[in-house]
Structure formats: structure tokens, C-alpha cells
Protein backbone atom coordinates (compact mmCIF):
# COMPACT_ATOMS: atom_id res chain seq x y z
CA MET A 1 2.33 -13.06 15.08
CA TYR A 2 0.12 -16.13 14.81
CA GLU A 3 -1.00 -15.27 11.35
CA GLY A 4 2.66 -15.00 10.37
CA VAL A 5 3.61 -18.39 11.63
CA THR A 6 0.56 -19.79 10.16
CA GLU A 7 1.61 -18.08 6.67
CA TYR A 8 4.99 -19.43 6.96
CA PHE A 9 4.07 -22.89 7.73
CA ALA A 10 1.81 -23.14 4.59
CA THR A 11 4.86 -21.92 2.59
CA LEU A 12 7.37 -24.20 4.10
CA PHE A 13 5.29 -27.06 3.99
CA GLN A 14 5.29 -27.09 0.16
CA VAL A 15 8.84 -27.34 -0.31
CA ASN A 16 8.97 -29.91 2.80
CA GLN A 17 6.60 -32.17 0.61
CA ASP A 18 8.38 -31.59 -2.60
CA LEU A 19 5.20 -29.70 -3.74
CA VAL A 20 7.43 -26.86 -5.04
CA SER A 21 11.06 -26.68 -5.78
CA LYS A 22 13.40 -25.14 -3.70
CA GLN A 23 13.72 -22.52 -6.05
CA GLU A 24 10.04 -21.55 -6.05
CA PHE A 25 10.40 -21.64 -2.26
CA TYR A 26 13.14 -19.07 -2.21
CA ASP A 27 11.39 -16.69 -4.76
CA LYS A 28 8.39 -17.15 -2.35
CA ILE A 29 10.53 -15.99 0.39
CA MET A 30 11.93 -13.02 -1.58
CA ASP A 31 8.22 -12.01 -2.48
CA LYS A 32 7.43 -11.57 1.16
CA ILE A 33 10.55 -9.45 1.52
CA GLN A 34 9.39 -7.28 -1.46
CA SER A 35 5.68 -7.18 0.04
CA ALA A 36 6.80 -6.28 3.57
CA SER A 37 9.02 -3.46 2.04
CA GLY A 38 5.79 -1.60 1.46
CA TYR A 39 5.07 -1.28 5.13
CA ASP A 40 7.10 0.27 8.08
CA ASP A 41 10.12 -1.92 9.02
CA THR A 42 10.43 -0.25 12.11
CA MET A 43 7.06 -0.81 13.79
CA SER A 44 7.08 -3.25 16.83
CA PHE A 45 5.03 -6.09 16.18
CA THR A 46 3.70 -6.46 19.77
CA THR A 47 2.69 -2.74 19.91
CA MET A 48 0.79 -3.24 16.63
CA SER A 49 -0.93 -6.08 18.00
CA GLU A 50 -2.12 -4.25 20.85
CA ASN A 51 -3.29 -1.09 19.01
CA ILE A 52 -4.48 -2.89 16.09
CA LEU A 53 -7.56 -0.87 15.64
CA GLU A 54 -5.66 2.42 15.88
CA GLU A 55 -3.47 4.24 12.98
CA PRO A 56 -0.89 3.86 12.06
CA TYR A 57 -1.10 0.03 13.30
CA ALA A 58 -4.51 -0.84 11.36
CA SER A 59 -3.14 -0.03 7.95
CA ASN A 60 -0.08 -2.15 8.64
CA TYR A 61 -1.53 -5.25 9.83
CA ILE A 62 -1.57 -6.90 6.64
CA ASN A 63 2.25 -6.90 7.20
CA VAL A 64 1.93 -9.94 9.59
CA TYR A 65 1.39 -12.00 6.36
CA SER A 66 4.78 -10.88 4.90
CA LYS A 67 7.10 -9.91 7.47
CA GLY A 68 5.25 -11.98 10.23
CA ALA A 69 5.96 -14.94 8.01
CA LEU A 70 9.79 -13.73 7.74
CA ILE A 71 10.05 -13.53 11.65
CA GLY A 72 8.67 -17.17 11.64
CA MET A 73 11.39 -18.08 9.08
CA CYS A 74 13.83 -16.65 11.39
CA VAL A 75 13.12 -18.06 14.45
CA ASP A 76 12.73 -21.60 12.64
CA ILE A 77 16.45 -21.20 11.44
CA MET A 78 17.66 -20.06 14.65
CA LEU A 79 16.29 -23.05 16.31
CA ARG A 80 17.69 -25.30 13.79
CA GLU A 81 21.11 -23.94 14.49
CA GLU A 82 20.78 -23.81 18.10
CA SER A 83 19.69 -27.49 18.24
CA ASN A 84 21.81 -28.68 15.56
CA GLY A 85 19.00 -29.33 13.45
CA HIS A 86 16.84 -31.43 15.43
CA ARG A 87 14.00 -28.55 16.70
CA GLY A 88 12.21 -26.11 14.48
CA ILE A 89 9.44 -23.84 14.89
CA LEU A 90 6.93 -26.74 14.12
CA SER A 91 8.38 -28.80 17.02
CA LEU A 92 8.25 -25.34 19.29
CA MET A 93 4.24 -25.09 18.33
CA LYS A 94 3.82 -28.80 19.37
CA GLU A 95 5.58 -28.29 22.54
CA LEU A 96 3.29 -25.34 23.25
CA SER A 97 0.26 -27.06 22.26
CA MET A 98 0.88 -29.76 24.76
CA LYS A 99 1.60 -27.17 27.76
CA TYR A 100 -1.32 -25.29 26.78
CA GLY A 101 -4.58 -26.06 25.13
CA VAL A 102 -8.27 -25.27 24.59
CA ASN A 103 -8.70 -25.29 28.30
CA LYS A 104 -5.39 -23.70 29.40
CA PRO A 105 -4.95 -20.70 27.06
CA PHE A 106 -1.55 -18.82 27.19
CA GLU A 107 -1.35 -15.18 28.27
CA ASP A 108 -0.55 -13.03 25.01
CA ASP A 109 2.04 -10.66 26.97
CA LYS A 110 3.89 -13.71 28.37
CA LEU A 111 4.12 -15.76 25.34
CA ILE A 112 7.49 -14.74 24.22
CA ASP A 113 8.85 -15.17 27.66
CA GLU A 114 7.65 -18.88 27.52
CA ILE A 115 9.01 -19.36 24.06
CA VAL A 116 12.61 -18.11 25.20
CA ALA A 117 12.05 -20.29 28.56
CA MET A 118 11.41 -23.33 26.33
CA THR A 119 14.27 -22.69 23.95
CA TYR A 120 17.43 -20.61 23.92
CA PRO A 121 18.55 -17.18 25.18
CA SER A 122 19.57 -16.20 21.36
CA LEU A 123 16.09 -16.01 20.73
CA ARG A 124 15.23 -13.32 23.57
CA ASP A 125 18.18 -10.94 21.87
CA PHE A 126 15.91 -11.60 18.60
CA PHE A 127 12.44 -10.92 19.95
CA ASP A 128 13.76 -7.99 22.01
CA ARG A 129 15.27 -6.33 18.95
CA HIS A 130 12.99 -7.29 16.11
CA VAL A 131 9.61 -8.25 17.55
CA ILE A 132 9.20 -5.99 20.66
CA GLY A 133 11.86 -3.78 19.40
CA THR A 134 11.83 -1.47 16.35
CA GLU A 135 15.24 -3.01 14.64
CA PRO A 136 14.46 -3.85 11.00
CA ILE A 137 15.89 -7.84 10.53
CA ASP A 138 18.81 -8.48 8.34
CA TYR A 139 17.61 -11.38 6.51
CA ASN A 140 20.84 -11.89 5.06
CA GLU A 141 22.34 -12.81 8.45
CA PHE A 142 19.79 -15.67 8.55
CA PHE A 143 20.38 -16.63 4.82
CA ASN A 144 24.01 -17.04 5.14
CA LYS A 145 23.43 -19.44 8.05
CA VAL A 146 21.73 -21.94 5.56
CA GLY A 147 24.04 -21.24 2.54
CA LEU A 148 21.90 -18.84 0.44
CA LYS A 149 22.60 -15.45 -0.67
CA VAL A 150 20.62 -12.71 -2.44
CA GLU A 151 21.83 -12.19 -6.11
CA LYS A 152 21.11 -8.84 -8.22
CA GLY A 153 20.98 -9.13 -11.90
CA ALA A 154 19.89 -12.75 -11.30
CA LYS A 155 17.74 -14.44 -13.97
CA VAL A 156 14.57 -15.08 -12.26
CA GLU A 157 11.12 -16.19 -13.65
CA THR A 158 8.13 -14.14 -14.52
CA ASN A 159 5.16 -14.22 -16.42
CA TYR A 160 3.86 -12.68 -19.71
CA ILE A 161 2.28 -9.53 -18.25
CA LEU A 162 4.86 -8.64 -15.69
CA ASN A 163 8.62 -8.06 -15.33
CA GLY A 164 8.84 -9.08 -11.39
CA ASN A 165 6.39 -6.33 -10.19
CA GLN A 166 6.58 -4.27 -13.11
CA ILE A 167 3.76 -4.17 -15.86
CA ILE A 168 4.66 -4.31 -19.43
CA VAL A 169 1.80 -3.03 -20.94
CA ALA A 170 0.31 0.71 -20.94
CA ALA A 171 -2.74 2.46 -22.25
CA ASP A 172 -3.14 5.45 -24.84
CA PRO A 173 -6.49 6.90 -23.84
CA GLU A 174 -6.51 9.18 -26.74
CA LYS A 175 -6.22 6.44 -29.33
CA GLY A 176 -8.18 3.89 -27.12
CA THR A 177 -5.23 1.50 -27.53
CA ILE A 178 -3.11 -0.97 -25.42
CA PHE A 179 0.50 -1.22 -26.14
CA PHE A 180 3.82 -3.02 -24.95
CA ASN A 181 6.07 -0.28 -22.99
CA ASP A 182 9.62 -0.22 -22.67
CA SER A 183 9.94 -2.88 -20.17
CA VAL A 184 9.01 -5.72 -22.59
CA SER A 185 12.41 -5.55 -23.83
CA GLN A 186 13.45 -7.27 -20.31
CA ASN A 187 10.78 -10.04 -20.95
CA SER A 188 12.47 -12.93 -22.47
CA PHE A 189 9.55 -14.74 -24.03
CA TRP A 190 8.05 -11.31 -25.97
CA HIS A 191 11.66 -10.32 -26.70
CA ASP A 192 12.60 -13.82 -28.19
CA ASN A 193 9.38 -13.57 -30.36
CA GLY A 194 10.21 -10.12 -31.84
CA VAL A 195 8.25 -7.75 -29.79
CA LEU A 196 9.13 -4.24 -29.53
CA PRO A 197 8.16 -1.37 -27.14
CA ASN A 198 5.09 0.73 -28.45
CA ASP A 199 3.75 -2.42 -30.53
CA VAL A 200 -0.13 -2.16 -30.23
CA ILE A 201 -1.83 -5.27 -29.07
CA LYS A 202 -4.86 -5.70 -31.33
CA LYS A 203 -5.98 -9.24 -30.47
CA VAL A 204 -5.41 -11.86 -27.82
CA ASN A 205 -6.60 -15.44 -28.84
CA GLY A 206 -9.12 -13.94 -30.86
CA GLU A 207 -10.46 -11.47 -28.75
CA GLU A 208 -10.09 -7.82 -29.72
CA VAL A 209 -8.14 -5.84 -27.23
CA THR A 210 -9.85 -2.46 -26.32
CA LEU A 211 -9.83 -0.11 -23.16
CA PRO A 212 -13.06 -1.78 -21.88
CA THR A 213 -11.85 -5.26 -22.74
CA ALA A 214 -8.24 -5.06 -21.73
CA ASN A 215 -8.65 -5.90 -17.97
CA SER A 216 -10.37 -9.11 -18.65
CA ILE A 217 -8.27 -10.15 -21.51
CA PHE A 218 -4.74 -9.54 -19.31
CA GLN A 219 -6.18 -11.36 -16.47
CA LYS A 220 -6.22 -14.37 -18.59
CA VAL A 221 -2.84 -13.48 -20.13
CA PHE A 222 -1.60 -13.43 -16.33
CA MET A 223 -3.00 -17.07 -15.87
CA TRP A 224 -1.03 -18.40 -19.10
CA LYS A 225 1.32 -21.23 -18.41
CA PRO A 226 4.08 -22.56 -20.59
CA GLY A 227 2.99 -25.29 -22.95
CA GLU A 228 -0.52 -23.38 -23.88
CA ASP A 229 -0.88 -22.57 -27.57
CA ILE A 230 -1.43 -18.69 -28.22
CA GLU A 231 -2.11 -16.12 -30.70
CA VAL A 232 -1.65 -12.45 -30.52
CA VAL A 233 -1.95 -9.63 -33.09
CA LEU A 234 0.28 -6.62 -32.98
CA ASN A 235 0.51 -3.77 -35.19
CA ARG A 236 3.35 -1.87 -35.46
CA ASN A 237 3.72 1.17 -37.54
CA GLY A 238 0.40 0.36 -39.46
CA GLU A 239 1.54 -3.10 -40.34
CA ASP A 240 -0.26 -6.11 -38.58
CA ILE A 241 2.33 -8.94 -36.95
CA VAL A 242 0.64 -12.24 -35.73
CA ILE A 243 2.45 -14.12 -33.17
CA LYS A 244 1.53 -17.87 -33.02
CA THR A 245 3.31 -19.98 -30.95
CA THR A 246 3.57 -22.16 -27.81
CA LEU A 247 4.23 -20.51 -24.39
CA THR A 248 7.81 -20.88 -22.97
CA GLN A 249 9.12 -19.87 -19.41
CA SER A 250 9.51 -16.03 -19.36
CA TYR A 251 12.27 -14.70 -17.46
CA THR A 252 13.67 -11.01 -16.78
CA SER A 253 16.46 -9.77 -14.71
CA GLY A 254 16.03 -9.19 -11.15
CA THR A 255 16.86 -9.72 -7.36
CA ALA A 256 16.95 -13.44 -6.51
CA LEU A 257 17.47 -15.75 -3.56
CA VAL A 258 19.82 -18.33 -4.50
CA GLU A 259 21.91 -21.28 -3.28
CA ASN A 260 25.51 -20.19 -2.47
CA PRO A 261 28.08 -22.41 -4.40
CA ASN A 262 30.56 -21.62 -2.04
CA ALA A 263 28.34 -22.75 0.99
CA THR A 264 30.29 -24.97 3.70
CA PRO A 265 28.95 -28.35 4.65
CA GLU A 266 27.65 -27.28 7.82
CA GLN A 267 25.57 -24.58 6.18
CA ILE A 268 24.10 -27.29 3.60
CA ALA A 269 23.49 -29.44 6.50
CA LEU A 270 21.32 -26.73 8.19
CA ARG A 271 19.97 -25.90 5.16
CA LYS A 272 18.75 -29.46 4.57
CA ALA A 273 17.22 -29.66 8.34
CA TRP A 274 15.37 -26.44 7.64
CA LEU A 275 13.69 -27.45 4.55
CA LYS A 276 13.54 -31.18 4.93
CA GLY A 277 13.78 -31.64 9.00
């Protein structure tokens, strides 16, 4: 759980210090939920940590950076709620560091008991069910506490090679070409510039796109940012089409974590304490 809490701190710190917007932070939380969904959501985290060199635990260990961070988020929100916004997981870690230290390490198997003793009984139920136990976490329960909701079909930011996690290009090995697939229609930048499914990508910023060069070229496309000037040459039914423009933010339709416009004053206050406390 330690790695997960550290990962959570790194993510929360960015929004706390205004290095990213609140929506960017929410998007990162959704990314972690998406990433965690690829692993066994019923696996006990304590059992995994005790058997990390054995399967199936070893292959699920990387999930500590996704679900582990989400566990940290849930504990943080619970602490904020129980303390009327005054305590969070960071203050808890400070309290633990004062009690323990380099010369007095805590015992791993007693850490949860220690945390519960220092905080609130509600954390015992959470740890028993979701960390020691095998019950998946209902993240909506925690989002609701801070006036957030998961919205399907929302307008979400994406880049110029993906729609969320779905790549928008494909290869034709027989012809040796790379082309836009059907998903390009859901990418606002390319759609607004008239790109259609099956358009062959011939050149990107002067570089010829072939099967051997595609990987390195699309790595560069992945790093494109709004405001950059680009030139792409396509071929549609034998006719070349040149797109020479300045990048604008691209969007697609997806699932997003957003602020609930009907959130109560109490929910908004707890959200503020969580993000800025």
C-alpha cells in the first residue's frame, strides 16, 4: 500500500499546488480506475503483499500504482469527512512518522490496526472489506461525498493518435500503408479537418510514413500539443489531401469524472478540504 499512497500523494500534490487544473486531476483519477480494471479487483492487497513473488500475485503487483493510489484517495476522503476537513492522509502519515521512524520501524502486520486506533472506526470497516478483504470498492460512494459524479458520453480531452485508450490508426501489411480507422470520426481535431476513415497517411511533417517508420513518427504525434503547426499529407482514393494547420485541443466522447452541479454546500466544502486542505 505504501507505493500506492506515494503515487496518490504525487497526483494530489499537483492539484493542491495548482500545477494542474481540477479537471486534469479528475481525469488522472479516472485513468487509474481504467488501469485498475485490467487487474483482479477481488484480490486482497494484504495477501498480495505477503505473497508478492508468487502467482497470481506477482503479475498483479503493478496495480499498487493504480488501485493502491485509489485506496489512498478513499482513505483521504474518509479522514476529511470524519474530521470535518481537518485531517487527511498526509497528516496521518506525519503522525505515523512522529510515532515511528528510522530507529523504530512499525510492524507491517500491525499497521492497519495502528491506523484505525489513531483515526476512526469507519476505517476499520473499509480496510476489512477492501484491503484485507476481497470486496471491490464502489468509487461512486466516495465521489459522491465530495460532490463529484461519473458522467458517460462526456466530452473528454484526448490526443491526436488515440480516442481515450483506443488507437485511431491501423496498418495494411499487404499494401505497406498506415491509415485512419473508423475511430477517427470520434476525434474532434481530425474530424474538424475533414479526415475520413480509410484515409492513408503518407507524410507527417515531411516524414514519409511507412511500416518501418510508423512507430517513431507516431511517437512524435503522441507528443503533439495544441498551438504547434503541423502538416499532414493524406491520400484518399488516389488523390492527395494536405492538412496544414495549427493544432487545437482534440476531444472525444467518453466517461469522465466531473463536478456535480447539484452538489450540496457540505459536499463542496469537503471537496475543497480534500483538494486544497
